[in-house]
Amino acid sequence: MELKDRIRLILDERHIKQKDLAGAIKVSESYISNMIKGKRRNISEALALLIEQSYGYSARWVRTGEGEPYVSRSDAPSLSPAKQRLIAEIEKMTEPELDAVKVFIDSLDGYKRAFGLIT
């Protein structure tokens, strides 16, 4: 699979436009267009890392096509980019940090119940 195919796959799986990807990695729309047309056959490590951070695709896979496309299994295309970023951050947390997140989530449930948002 060539770079143009990998970029097209990212656009299709994430349901984003070229301009969205361009904005996320701080390049012009024509830069993305040239990748998709096959005029650019390589992508820098820095841009591949921005794609990884923004959309959950492995920088190595973006650059070379080698390895797994996703940084982790939690980066499935069915998840929104915001959820993917949160999951990626949670995967890096220590057990005490995870405990703190659980306490926070539990407090949100109490808030929702208090205001009748859930039963």
PDB file of N, CA and C in Angstrom:
ATOM      1  N   MET A   1       0.860  -1.174   0.000  1.00  0.00           N
ATOM      2  CA  MET A   1       0.000   0.000   0.000  1.00  0.00           C
ATOM      3  C   MET A   1       0.908   1.239   0.000  1.00  0.00           C
ATOM      4  N   GLU A   2       0.654   2.120  -0.915  1.00  0.00           N
ATOM      5  CA  GLU A   2       1.438   3.351  -1.020  1.00  0.00           C
ATOM      6  C   GLU A   2       0.913   4.416  -0.058  1.00  0.00           C
ATOM      7  N   LEU A   3       1.713   5.469   0.125  1.00  0.00           N
ATOM      8  CA  LEU A   3       1.321   6.562   1.015  1.00  0.00           C
ATOM      9  C   LEU A   3      -0.039   7.120   0.620  1.00  0.00           C
ATOM     10  N   LYS A   4      -0.262   7.310  -0.679  1.00  0.00           N
ATOM     11  CA  LYS A   4      -1.543   7.876  -1.121  1.00  0.00           C
ATOM     12  C   LYS A   4      -2.714   7.007  -0.668  1.00  0.00           C
ATOM     13  N   ASP A   5      -2.523   5.692  -0.685  1.00  0.00           N
ATOM     14  CA  ASP A   5      -3.582   4.776  -0.254  1.00  0.00           C
ATOM     15  C   ASP A   5      -3.806   4.848   1.258  1.00  0.00           C
ATOM     16  N   ARG A   6      -2.709   4.984   2.005  1.00  0.00           N
ATOM     17  CA  ARG A   6      -2.832   5.090   3.462  1.00  0.00           C
ATOM     18  C   ARG A   6      -3.532   6.392   3.859  1.00  0.00           C
ATOM     19  N   ILE A   7      -3.186   7.479   3.185  1.00  0.00           N
ATOM     20  CA  ILE A   7      -3.833   8.766   3.476  1.00  0.00           C
ATOM     21  C   ILE A   7      -5.313   8.701   3.120  1.00  0.00           C
ATOM     22  N   ARG A   8      -5.639   8.133   1.986  1.00  0.00           N
ATOM     23  CA  ARG A   8      -7.040   7.992   1.570  1.00  0.00           C
ATOM     24  C   ARG A   8      -7.801   7.138   2.575  1.00  0.00           C
ATOM     25  N   LEU A   9      -7.181   6.074   3.075  1.00  0.00           N
ATOM     26  CA  LEU A   9      -7.811   5.205   4.065  1.00  0.00           C
ATOM     27  C   LEU A   9      -8.122   5.980   5.345  1.00  0.00           C
ATOM     28  N   ILE A  10      -7.175   6.803   5.787  1.00  0.00           N
ATOM     29  CA  ILE A  10      -7.394   7.616   6.982  1.00  0.00           C
ATOM     30  C   ILE A  10      -8.585   8.547   6.773  1.00  0.00           C
ATOM     31  N   LEU A  11      -8.622   9.209   5.640  1.00  0.00           N
ATOM     32  CA  LEU A  11      -9.739  10.121   5.341  1.00  0.00           C
ATOM     33  C   LEU A  11     -11.068   9.368   5.340  1.00  0.00           C
ATOM     34  N   ASP A  12     -11.079   8.212   4.702  1.00  0.00           N
ATOM     35  CA  ASP A  12     -12.317   7.435   4.596  1.00  0.00           C
ATOM     36  C   ASP A  12     -12.763   6.878   5.947  1.00  0.00           C
ATOM     37  N   GLU A  13     -11.839   6.286   6.697  1.00  0.00           N
ATOM     38  CA  GLU A  13     -12.207   5.680   7.970  1.00  0.00           C
ATOM     39  C   GLU A  13     -12.650   6.713   9.000  1.00  0.00           C
ATOM     40  N   ARG A  14     -12.039   7.867   8.973  1.00  0.00           N
ATOM     41  CA  ARG A  14     -12.366   8.908   9.945  1.00  0.00           C
ATOM     42  C   ARG A  14     -13.468   9.847   9.465  1.00  0.00           C
ATOM     43  N   HIS A  15     -13.886   9.647   8.225  1.00  0.00           N
ATOM     44  CA  HIS A  15     -14.937  10.494   7.639  1.00  0.00           C
ATOM     45  C   HIS A  15     -14.559  11.965   7.731  1.00  0.00           C
ATOM     46  N   ILE A  16     -13.329  12.262   7.326  1.00  0.00           N
ATOM     47  CA  ILE A  16     -12.842  13.639   7.344  1.00  0.00           C
ATOM     48  C   ILE A  16     -12.468  14.069   5.938  1.00  0.00           C
ATOM     49  N   LYS A  17     -12.394  15.358   5.756  1.00  0.00           N
ATOM     50  CA  LYS A  17     -12.016  15.930   4.465  1.00  0.00           C
ATOM     51  C   LYS A  17     -10.525  16.239   4.466  1.00  0.00           C
ATOM     52  N   GLN A  18     -10.003  16.437   3.279  1.00  0.00           N
ATOM     53  CA  GLN A  18      -8.591  16.770   3.140  1.00  0.00           C
ATOM     54  C   GLN A  18      -8.235  18.000   3.975  1.00  0.00           C
ATOM     55  N   LYS A  19      -9.125  18.982   3.995  1.00  0.00           N
ATOM     56  CA  LYS A  19      -8.844  20.210   4.742  1.00  0.00           C
ATOM     57  C   LYS A  19      -8.776  19.947   6.235  1.00  0.00           C
ATOM     58  N   ASP A  20      -9.562  18.963   6.736  1.00  0.00           N
ATOM     59  CA  ASP A  20      -9.513  18.614   8.156  1.00  0.00           C
ATOM     60  C   ASP A  20      -8.155  18.012   8.518  1.00  0.00           C
ATOM     61  N   LEU A  21      -7.697  17.087   7.677  1.00  0.00           N
ATOM     62  CA  LEU A  21      -6.395  16.478   7.911  1.00  0.00           C
ATOM     63  C   LEU A  21      -5.295  17.525   7.804  1.00  0.00           C
ATOM     64  N   ALA A  22      -5.394  18.375   6.801  1.00  0.00           N
ATOM     65  CA  ALA A  22      -4.396  19.444   6.618  1.00  0.00           C
ATOM     66  C   ALA A  22      -4.331  20.329   7.859  1.00  0.00           C
ATOM     67  N   GLY A  23      -5.477  20.707   8.386  1.00  0.00           N
ATOM     68  CA  GLY A  23      -5.508  21.541   9.584  1.00  0.00           C
ATOM     69  C   GLY A  23      -4.919  20.842  10.790  1.00  0.00           C
ATOM     70  N   ALA A  24      -5.198  19.549  10.930  1.00  0.00           N
ATOM     71  CA  ALA A  24      -4.713  18.791  12.089  1.00  0.00           C
ATOM     72  C   ALA A  24      -3.193  18.661  12.100  1.00  0.00           C
ATOM     73  N   ILE A  25      -2.599  18.567  10.906  1.00  0.00           N
ATOM     74  CA  ILE A  25      -1.139  18.387  10.856  1.00  0.00           C
ATOM     75  C   ILE A  25      -0.422  19.647  10.376  1.00  0.00           C
ATOM     76  N   LYS A  26      -1.175  20.736  10.270  1.00  0.00           N
ATOM     77  CA  LYS A  26      -0.607  22.062   9.982  1.00  0.00           C
ATOM     78  C   LYS A  26       0.119  22.139   8.636  1.00  0.00           C
ATOM     79  N   VAL A  27      -0.550  21.612   7.588  1.00  0.00           N
ATOM     80  CA  VAL A  27      -0.041  21.739   6.228  1.00  0.00           C
ATOM     81  C   VAL A  27      -1.168  22.287   5.354  1.00  0.00           C
ATOM     82  N   SER A  28      -0.854  22.603   4.120  1.00  0.00           N
ATOM     83  CA  SER A  28      -1.868  23.126   3.208  1.00  0.00           C
ATOM     84  C   SER A  28      -2.725  21.987   2.650  1.00  0.00           C
ATOM     85  N   GLU A  29      -3.893  22.358   2.184  1.00  0.00           N
ATOM     86  CA  GLU A  29      -4.761  21.364   1.544  1.00  0.00           C
ATOM     87  C   GLU A  29      -4.093  20.790   0.298  1.00  0.00           C
ATOM     88  N   SER A  30      -3.332  21.627  -0.409  1.00  0.00           N
ATOM     89  CA  SER A  30      -2.653  21.144  -1.624  1.00  0.00           C
ATOM     90  C   SER A  30      -1.588  20.101  -1.273  1.00  0.00           C
ATOM     91  N   TYR A  31      -0.986  20.212  -0.100  1.00  0.00           N
ATOM     92  CA  TYR A  31      -0.011  19.206   0.351  1.00  0.00           C
ATOM     93  C   TYR A  31      -0.698  17.850   0.463  1.00  0.00           C
ATOM     94  N   ILE A  32      -1.861  17.839   1.097  1.00  0.00           N
ATOM     95  CA  ILE A  32      -2.630  16.590   1.245  1.00  0.00           C
ATOM     96  C   ILE A  32      -3.068  16.089  -0.132  1.00  0.00           C
ATOM     97  N   SER A  33      -3.548  17.000  -0.963  1.00  0.00           N
ATOM     98  CA  SER A  33      -3.979  16.635  -2.309  1.00  0.00           C
ATOM     99  C   SER A  33      -2.841  15.990  -3.093  1.00  0.00           C
ATOM    100  N   ASN A  34      -1.649  16.555  -2.981  1.00  0.00           N
ATOM    101  CA  ASN A  34      -0.492  15.993  -3.695  1.00  0.00           C
ATOM    102  C   ASN A  34      -0.123  14.606  -3.171  1.00  0.00           C
ATOM    103  N   MET A  35      -0.315  14.362  -1.875  1.00  0.00           N
ATOM    104  CA  MET A  35      -0.072  13.015  -1.348  1.00  0.00           C
ATOM    105  C   MET A  35      -1.074  12.034  -1.937  1.00  0.00           C
ATOM    106  N   ILE A  36      -2.338  12.447  -1.972  1.00  0.00           N
ATOM    107  CA  ILE A  36      -3.383  11.555  -2.473  1.00  0.00           C
ATOM    108  C   ILE A  36      -3.204  11.270  -3.970  1.00  0.00           C
ATOM    109  N   LYS A  37      -2.711  12.242  -4.704  1.00  0.00           N
ATOM    110  CA  LYS A  37      -2.462  12.072  -6.139  1.00  0.00           C
ATOM    111  C   LYS A  37      -1.184  11.285  -6.428  1.00  0.00           C
ATOM    112  N   GLY A  38      -0.405  11.016  -5.380  1.00  0.00           N
ATOM    113  CA  GLY A  38       0.835  10.277  -5.568  1.00  0.00           C
ATOM    114  C   GLY A  38       2.014  11.158  -5.951  1.00  0.00           C
ATOM    115  N   LYS A  39       1.834  12.478  -5.917  1.00  0.00           N
ATOM    116  CA  LYS A  39       2.926  13.391  -6.241  1.00  0.00           C
ATOM    117  C   LYS A  39       3.936  13.471  -5.104  1.00  0.00           C
ATOM    118  N   ARG A  40       3.493  13.193  -3.893  1.00  0.00           N
ATOM    119  CA  ARG A  40       4.373  13.105  -2.729  1.00  0.00           C
ATOM    120  C   ARG A  40       4.357  11.654  -2.282  1.00  0.00           C
ATOM    121  N   ARG A  41       5.497  11.029  -2.315  1.00  0.00           N
ATOM    122  CA  ARG A  41       5.575   9.617  -1.974  1.00  0.00           C
ATOM    123  C   ARG A  41       6.084   9.361  -0.556  1.00  0.00           C
ATOM    124  N   ASN A  42       6.515  10.428   0.119  1.00  0.00           N
ATOM    125  CA  ASN A  42       7.043  10.307   1.478  1.00  0.00           C
ATOM    126  C   ASN A  42       6.388  11.337   2.375  1.00  0.00           C
ATOM    127  N   ILE A  43       6.408  11.043   3.661  1.00  0.00           N
ATOM    128  CA  ILE A  43       5.912  11.976   4.661  1.00  0.00           C
ATOM    129  C   ILE A  43       6.939  12.004   5.788  1.00  0.00           C
ATOM    130  N   SER A  44       7.159  13.165   6.355  1.00  0.00           N
ATOM    131  CA  SER A  44       8.159  13.289   7.416  1.00  0.00           C
ATOM    132  C   SER A  44       7.687  12.585   8.683  1.00  0.00           C
ATOM    133  N   GLU A  45       8.657  12.258   9.518  1.00  0.00           N
ATOM    134  CA  GLU A  45       8.339  11.638  10.804  1.00  0.00           C
ATOM    135  C   GLU A  45       7.473  12.574  11.642  1.00  0.00           C
ATOM    136  N   ALA A  46       7.775  13.870  11.593  1.00  0.00           N
ATOM    137  CA  ALA A  46       7.017  14.847  12.381  1.00  0.00           C
ATOM    138  C   ALA A  46       5.544  14.868  11.964  1.00  0.00           C
ATOM    139  N   LEU A  47       5.279  14.871  10.665  1.00  0.00           N
ATOM    140  CA  LEU A  47       3.884  14.881  10.203  1.00  0.00           C
ATOM    141  C   LEU A  47       3.194  13.558  10.513  1.00  0.00           C
ATOM    142  N   ALA A  48       3.918  12.457  10.373  1.00  0.00           N
ATOM    143  CA  ALA A  48       3.343  11.146  10.704  1.00  0.00           C
ATOM    144  C   ALA A  48       2.984  11.091  12.184  1.00  0.00           C
ATOM    145  N   LEU A  49       3.822  11.683  13.034  1.00  0.00           N
ATOM    146  CA  LEU A  49       3.521  11.720  14.470  1.00  0.00           C
ATOM    147  C   LEU A  49       2.297  12.580  14.766  1.00  0.00           C
ATOM    148  N   LEU A  50       2.111  13.661  14.022  1.00  0.00           N
ATOM    149  CA  LEU A  50       0.912  14.478  14.195  1.00  0.00           C
ATOM    150  C   LEU A  50      -0.343  13.692  13.817  1.00  0.00           C
ATOM    151  N   ILE A  51      -0.252  12.896  12.761  1.00  0.00           N
ATOM    152  CA  ILE A  51      -1.387  12.044  12.373  1.00  0.00           C
ATOM    153  C   ILE A  51      -1.652  11.023  13.477  1.00  0.00           C
ATOM    154  N   GLU A  52      -0.593  10.464  14.031  1.00  0.00           N
ATOM    155  CA  GLU A  52      -0.752   9.503  15.123  1.00  0.00           C
ATOM    156  C   GLU A  52      -1.461  10.144  16.315  1.00  0.00           C
ATOM    157  N   GLN A  53      -1.015  11.334  16.690  1.00  0.00           N
ATOM    158  CA  GLN A  53      -1.608  12.022  17.835  1.00  0.00           C
ATOM    159  C   GLN A  53      -3.043  12.450  17.568  1.00  0.00           C
ATOM    160  N   SER A  54      -3.328  12.863  16.346  1.00  0.00           N
ATOM    161  CA  SER A  54      -4.659  13.380  16.025  1.00  0.00           C
ATOM    162  C   SER A  54      -5.679  12.285  15.725  1.00  0.00           C
ATOM    163  N   TYR A  55      -5.226  11.211  15.069  1.00  0.00           N
ATOM    164  CA  TYR A  55      -6.188  10.222  14.584  1.00  0.00           C
ATOM    165  C   TYR A  55      -5.920   8.786  15.021  1.00  0.00           C
ATOM    166  N   GLY A  56      -4.810   8.543  15.727  1.00  0.00           N
ATOM    167  CA  GLY A  56      -4.564   7.210  16.260  1.00  0.00           C
ATOM    168  C   GLY A  56      -3.914   6.231  15.311  1.00  0.00           C
ATOM    169  N   TYR A  57      -3.433   6.689  14.166  1.00  0.00           N
ATOM    170  CA  TYR A  57      -2.736   5.800  13.237  1.00  0.00           C
ATOM    171  C   TYR A  57      -1.252   5.802  13.572  1.00  0.00           C
ATOM    172  N   SER A  58      -0.659   4.649  13.611  1.00  0.00           N
ATOM    173  CA  SER A  58       0.754   4.515  13.925  1.00  0.00           C
ATOM    174  C   SER A  58       1.602   5.344  12.953  1.00  0.00           C
ATOM    175  N   ALA A  59       2.510   6.149  13.505  1.00  0.00           N
ATOM    176  CA  ALA A  59       3.399   6.959  12.667  1.00  0.00           C
ATOM    177  C   ALA A  59       4.229   6.065  11.743  1.00  0.00           C
ATOM    178  N   ARG A  60       4.658   4.943  12.263  1.00  0.00           N
ATOM    179  CA  ARG A  60       5.438   4.005  11.439  1.00  0.00           C
ATOM    180  C   ARG A  60       4.601   3.513  10.253  1.00  0.00           C
ATOM    181  N   TRP A  61       3.360   3.140  10.520  1.00  0.00           N
ATOM    182  CA  TRP A  61       2.494   2.660   9.449  1.00  0.00           C
ATOM    183  C   TRP A  61       2.230   3.771   8.440  1.00  0.00           C
ATOM    184  N   VAL A  62       1.970   4.983   8.913  1.00  0.00           N
ATOM    185  CA  VAL A  62       1.719   6.102   8.005  1.00  0.00           C
ATOM    186  C   VAL A  62       2.920   6.308   7.088  1.00  0.00           C
ATOM    187  N   ARG A  63       4.127   6.263   7.653  1.00  0.00           N
ATOM    188  CA  ARG A  63       5.336   6.522   6.866  1.00  0.00           C
ATOM    189  C   ARG A  63       5.698   5.382   5.930  1.00  0.00           C
ATOM    190  N   THR A  64       5.578   4.128   6.397  1.00  0.00           N
ATOM    191  CA  THR A  64       6.131   3.001   5.639  1.00  0.00           C
ATOM    192  C   THR A  64       5.113   1.963   5.199  1.00  0.00           C
ATOM    193  N   GLY A  65       3.959   1.958   5.839  1.00  0.00           N
ATOM    194  CA  GLY A  65       2.983   0.912   5.556  1.00  0.00           C
ATOM    195  C   GLY A  65       3.257  -0.354   6.350  1.00  0.00           C
ATOM    196  N   GLU A  66       4.292  -0.347   7.176  1.00  0.00           N
ATOM    197  CA  GLU A  66       4.663  -1.530   7.948  1.00  0.00           C
ATOM    198  C   GLU A  66       4.013  -1.501   9.325  1.00  0.00           C
ATOM    199  N   GLY A  67       3.760  -2.688   9.859  1.00  0.00           N
ATOM    200  CA  GLY A  67       3.193  -2.801  11.194  1.00  0.00           C
ATOM    201  C   GLY A  67       1.688  -2.608  11.197  1.00  0.00           C
ATOM    202  N   GLU A  68       1.161  -2.501  12.392  1.00  0.00           N
ATOM    203  CA  GLU A  68      -0.278  -2.314  12.572  1.00  0.00           C
ATOM    204  C   GLU A  68      -0.653  -0.869  12.268  1.00  0.00           C
ATOM    205  N   PRO A  69      -1.802  -0.649  11.648  1.00  0.00           N
ATOM    206  CA  PRO A  69      -2.203   0.721  11.323  1.00  0.00           C
ATOM    207  C   PRO A  69      -2.534   1.570  12.555  1.00  0.00           C
ATOM    208  N   TYR A  70      -3.039   0.944  13.605  1.00  0.00           N
ATOM    209  CA  TYR A  70      -3.499   1.712  14.757  1.00  0.00           C
ATOM    210  C   TYR A  70      -2.500   1.632  15.901  1.00  0.00           C
ATOM    211  N   VAL A  71      -2.412   2.712  16.658  1.00  0.00           N
ATOM    212  CA  VAL A  71      -1.511   2.771  17.797  1.00  0.00           C
ATOM    213  C   VAL A  71      -1.903   1.712  18.818  1.00  0.00           C
ATOM    214  N   SER A  72      -3.198   1.510  19.024  1.00  0.00           N
ATOM    215  CA  SER A  72      -3.693   0.477  19.929  1.00  0.00           C
ATOM    216  C   SER A  72      -5.044   0.018  19.431  1.00  0.00           C
ATOM    217  N   ARG A  73      -5.515  -1.063  19.961  1.00  0.00           N
ATOM    218  CA  ARG A  73      -6.819  -1.588  19.546  1.00  0.00           C
ATOM    219  C   ARG A  73      -7.954  -0.633  19.895  1.00  0.00           C
ATOM    220  N   SER A  74      -7.725   0.239  20.872  1.00  0.00           N
ATOM    221  CA  SER A  74      -8.753   1.190  21.265  1.00  0.00           C
ATOM    222  C   SER A  74      -8.930   2.296  20.230  1.00  0.00           C
ATOM    223  N   ASP A  75      -8.087   2.313  19.221  1.00  0.00           N
ATOM    224  CA  ASP A  75      -8.167   3.344  18.192  1.00  0.00           C
ATOM    225  C   ASP A  75      -8.987   2.889  16.982  1.00  0.00           C
ATOM    226  N   ALA A  76      -9.962   2.073  17.210  1.00  0.00           N
ATOM    227  CA  ALA A  76     -10.813   1.594  16.132  1.00  0.00           C
ATOM    228  C   ALA A  76     -11.507   2.760  15.440  1.00  0.00           C
ATOM    229  N   PRO A  77     -11.692   2.665  14.113  1.00  0.00           N
ATOM    230  CA  PRO A  77     -12.301   3.770  13.373  1.00  0.00           C
ATOM    231  C   PRO A  77     -13.694   4.162  13.836  1.00  0.00           C
ATOM    232  N   SER A  78     -14.377   3.286  14.545  1.00  0.00           N
ATOM    233  CA  SER A  78     -15.733   3.618  14.983  1.00  0.00           C
ATOM    234  C   SER A  78     -15.744   4.649  16.113  1.00  0.00           C
ATOM    235  N   LEU A  79     -14.607   4.870  16.761  1.00  0.00           N
ATOM    236  CA  LEU A  79     -14.531   5.860  17.830  1.00  0.00           C
ATOM    237  C   LEU A  79     -14.229   7.236  17.252  1.00  0.00           C
ATOM    238  N   SER A  80     -14.794   8.256  17.861  1.00  0.00           N
ATOM    239  CA  SER A  80     -14.514   9.623  17.418  1.00  0.00           C
ATOM    240  C   SER A  80     -13.063   9.967  17.742  1.00  0.00           C
ATOM    241  N   PRO A  81     -12.485  10.929  17.021  1.00  0.00           N
ATOM    242  CA  PRO A  81     -11.106  11.338  17.341  1.00  0.00           C
ATOM    243  C   PRO A  81     -10.934  11.779  18.792  1.00  0.00           C
ATOM    244  N   ALA A  82     -11.931  12.452  19.349  1.00  0.00           N
ATOM    245  CA  ALA A  82     -11.840  12.889  20.746  1.00  0.00           C
ATOM    246  C   ALA A  82     -11.764  11.684  21.684  1.00  0.00           C
ATOM    247  N   LYS A  83     -12.597  10.670  21.448  1.00  0.00           N
ATOM    248  CA  LYS A  83     -12.572   9.477  22.287  1.00  0.00           C
ATOM    249  C   LYS A  83     -11.253   8.732  22.122  1.00  0.00           C
ATOM    250  N   GLN A  84     -10.739   8.688  20.911  1.00  0.00           N
ATOM    251  CA  GLN A  84      -9.469   8.014  20.667  1.00  0.00           C
ATOM    252  C   GLN A  84      -8.336   8.701  21.424  1.00  0.00           C
ATOM    253  N   ARG A  85      -8.326  10.033  21.412  1.00  0.00           N
ATOM    254  CA  ARG A  85      -7.280  10.764  22.133  1.00  0.00           C
ATOM    255  C   ARG A  85      -7.381  10.500  23.637  1.00  0.00           C
ATOM    256  N   LEU A  86      -8.606  10.486  24.162  1.00  0.00           N
ATOM    257  CA  LEU A  86      -8.785  10.215  25.593  1.00  0.00           C
ATOM    258  C   LEU A  86      -8.326   8.809  25.956  1.00  0.00           C
ATOM    259  N   ILE A  87      -8.677   7.850  25.141  1.00  0.00           N
ATOM    260  CA  ILE A  87      -8.270   6.475  25.405  1.00  0.00           C
ATOM    261  C   ILE A  87      -6.755   6.352  25.349  1.00  0.00           C
ATOM    262  N   ALA A  88      -6.136   7.014  24.378  1.00  0.00           N
ATOM    263  CA  ALA A  88      -4.675   6.978  24.274  1.00  0.00           C
ATOM    264  C   ALA A  88      -4.027   7.550  25.540  1.00  0.00           C
ATOM    265  N   GLU A  89      -4.607   8.613  26.078  1.00  0.00           N
ATOM    266  CA  GLU A  89      -4.076   9.194  27.310  1.00  0.00           C
ATOM    267  C   GLU A  89      -4.300   8.263  28.499  1.00  0.00           C
ATOM    268  N   ILE A  90      -5.462   7.648  28.560  1.00  0.00           N
ATOM    269  CA  ILE A  90      -5.768   6.716  29.651  1.00  0.00           C
ATOM    270  C   ILE A  90      -4.815   5.527  29.627  1.00  0.00           C
ATOM    271  N   GLU A  91      -4.465   5.061  28.439  1.00  0.00           N
ATOM    272  CA  GLU A  91      -3.557   3.921  28.331  1.00  0.00           C
ATOM    273  C   GLU A  91      -2.177   4.226  28.916  1.00  0.00           C
ATOM    274  N   LYS A  92      -1.813   5.484  28.990  1.00  0.00           N
ATOM    275  CA  LYS A  92      -0.500   5.879  29.523  1.00  0.00           C
ATOM    276  C   LYS A  92      -0.512   6.060  31.048  1.00  0.00           C
ATOM    277  N   MET A  93      -1.705   6.076  31.658  1.00  0.00           N
ATOM    278  CA  MET A  93      -1.827   6.410  33.072  1.00  0.00           C
ATOM    279  C   MET A  93      -1.369   5.279  33.988  1.00  0.00           C
ATOM    280  N   THR A  94      -0.913   5.703  35.171  1.00  0.00           N
ATOM    281  CA  THR A  94      -0.574   4.751  36.225  1.00  0.00           C
ATOM    282  C   THR A  94      -1.859   4.312  36.922  1.00  0.00           C
ATOM    283  N   GLU A  95      -1.762   3.281  37.742  1.00  0.00           N
ATOM    284  CA  GLU A  95      -2.939   2.803  38.474  1.00  0.00           C
ATOM    285  C   GLU A  95      -3.537   3.884  39.372  1.00  0.00           C
ATOM    286  N   PRO A  96      -2.745   4.633  40.129  1.00  0.00           N
ATOM    287  CA  PRO A  96      -3.353   5.692  40.952  1.00  0.00           C
ATOM    288  C   PRO A  96      -4.056   6.764  40.106  1.00  0.00           C
ATOM    289  N   GLU A  97      -3.494   7.081  38.960  1.00  0.00           N
ATOM    290  CA  GLU A  97      -4.148   8.062  38.082  1.00  0.00           C
ATOM    291  C   GLU A  97      -5.470   7.509  37.559  1.00  0.00           C
ATOM    292  N   LEU A  98      -5.479   6.226  37.233  1.00  0.00           N
ATOM    293  CA  LEU A  98      -6.722   5.594  36.778  1.00  0.00           C
ATOM    294  C   LEU A  98      -7.776   5.603  37.881  1.00  0.00           C
ATOM    295  N   ASP A  99      -7.344   5.377  39.100  1.00  0.00           N
ATOM    296  CA  ASP A  99      -8.278   5.438  40.228  1.00  0.00           C
ATOM    297  C   ASP A  99      -8.905   6.826  40.333  1.00  0.00           C
ATOM    298  N   ALA A 100      -8.101   7.861  40.132  1.00  0.00           N
ATOM    299  CA  ALA A 100      -8.610   9.239  40.192  1.00  0.00           C
ATOM    300  C   ALA A 100      -9.618   9.492  39.067  1.00  0.00           C
ATOM    301  N   VAL A 101      -9.343   8.974  37.897  1.00  0.00           N
ATOM    302  CA  VAL A 101     -10.278   9.134  36.776  1.00  0.00           C
ATOM    303  C   VAL A 101     -11.589   8.418  37.089  1.00  0.00           C
ATOM    304  N   LYS A 102     -11.507   7.235  37.679  1.00  0.00           N
ATOM    305  CA  LYS A 102     -12.713   6.484  38.047  1.00  0.00           C
ATOM    306  C   LYS A 102     -13.557   7.267  39.054  1.00  0.00           C
ATOM    307  N   VAL A 103     -12.921   7.888  40.031  1.00  0.00           N
ATOM    308  CA  VAL A 103     -13.638   8.704  41.013  1.00  0.00           C
ATOM    309  C   VAL A 103     -14.343   9.862  40.302  1.00  0.00           C
ATOM    310  N   PHE A 104     -13.656  10.486  39.365  1.00  0.00           N
ATOM    311  CA  PHE A 104     -14.255  11.590  38.618  1.00  0.00           C
ATOM    312  C   PHE A 104     -15.456  11.117  37.806  1.00  0.00           C
ATOM    313  N   ILE A 105     -15.328   9.991  37.136  1.00  0.00           N
ATOM    314  CA  ILE A 105     -16.437   9.451  36.332  1.00  0.00           C
ATOM    315  C   ILE A 105     -17.627   9.133  37.232  1.00  0.00           C
ATOM    316  N   ASP A 106     -17.345   8.537  38.390  1.00  0.00           N
ATOM    317  CA  ASP A 106     -18.424   8.246  39.338  1.00  0.00           C
ATOM    318  C   ASP A 106     -19.130   9.526  39.786  1.00  0.00           C
ATOM    319  N   SER A 107     -18.368  10.593  39.975  1.00  0.00           N
ATOM    320  CA  SER A 107     -18.979  11.859  40.391  1.00  0.00           C
ATOM    321  C   SER A 107     -19.870  12.428  39.287  1.00  0.00           C
ATOM    322  N   LEU A 108     -19.522  12.184  38.045  1.00  0.00           N
ATOM    323  CA  LEU A 108     -20.373  12.636  36.932  1.00  0.00           C
ATOM    324  C   LEU A 108     -21.706  11.899  36.939  1.00  0.00           C
ATOM    325  N   ASP A 109     -21.668  10.606  37.250  1.00  0.00           N
ATOM    326  CA  ASP A 109     -22.916   9.844  37.336  1.00  0.00           C
ATOM    327  C   ASP A 109     -23.820  10.408  38.426  1.00  0.00           C
ATOM    328  N   GLY A 110     -23.239  10.784  39.566  1.00  0.00           N
ATOM    329  CA  GLY A 110     -24.019  11.397  40.641  1.00  0.00           C
ATOM    330  C   GLY A 110     -24.643  12.710  40.196  1.00  0.00           C
ATOM    331  N   TYR A 111     -23.908  13.499  39.486  1.00  0.00           N
ATOM    332  CA  TYR A 111     -24.403  14.771  38.950  1.00  0.00           C
ATOM    333  C   TYR A 111     -25.576  14.527  37.995  1.00  0.00           C
ATOM    334  N   LYS A 112     -25.422  13.566  37.110  1.00  0.00           N
ATOM    335  CA  LYS A 112     -26.482  13.268  36.136  1.00  0.00           C
ATOM    336  C   LYS A 112     -27.756  12.796  36.838  1.00  0.00           C
ATOM    337  N   ARG A 113     -27.587  11.957  37.851  1.00  0.00           N
ATOM    338  CA  ARG A 113     -28.748  11.479  38.606  1.00  0.00           C
ATOM    339  C   ARG A 113     -29.440  12.624  39.337  1.00  0.00           C
ATOM    340  N   ALA A 114     -28.655  13.509  39.929  1.00  0.00           N
ATOM    341  CA  ALA A 114     -29.204  14.630  40.681  1.00  0.00           C
ATOM    342  C   ALA A 114     -30.044  15.547  39.809  1.00  0.00           C
ATOM    343  N   PHE A 115     -29.694  15.646  38.546  1.00  0.00           N
ATOM    344  CA  PHE A 115     -30.424  16.529  37.630  1.00  0.00           C
ATOM    345  C   PHE A 115     -31.356  15.755  36.693  1.00  0.00           C
ATOM    346  N   GLY A 116     -31.580  14.473  37.033  1.00  0.00           N
ATOM    347  CA  GLY A 116     -32.537  13.693  36.276  1.00  0.00           C
ATOM    348  C   GLY A 116     -32.106  13.364  34.855  1.00  0.00           C
ATOM    349  N   LEU A 117     -30.812  13.425  34.585  1.00  0.00           N
ATOM    350  CA  LEU A 117     -30.313  13.123  33.244  1.00  0.00           C
ATOM    351  C   LEU A 117     -30.201  11.632  33.000  1.00  0.00           C
ATOM    352  N   ILE A 118     -30.057  10.849  34.073  1.00  0.00           N
ATOM    353  CA  ILE A 118     -30.090   9.391  33.995  1.00  0.00           C
ATOM    354  C   ILE A 118     -30.866   8.885  35.194  1.00  0.00           C
ATOM    355  N   THR A 119     -31.345   7.651  35.099  1.00  0.00           N
ATOM    356  CA  THR A 119     -32.094   7.063  36.212  1.00  0.00           C
ATOM    357  C   THR A 119     -31.328   5.939  36.847  1.00  0.00           C
TER     358      THR A 119
END
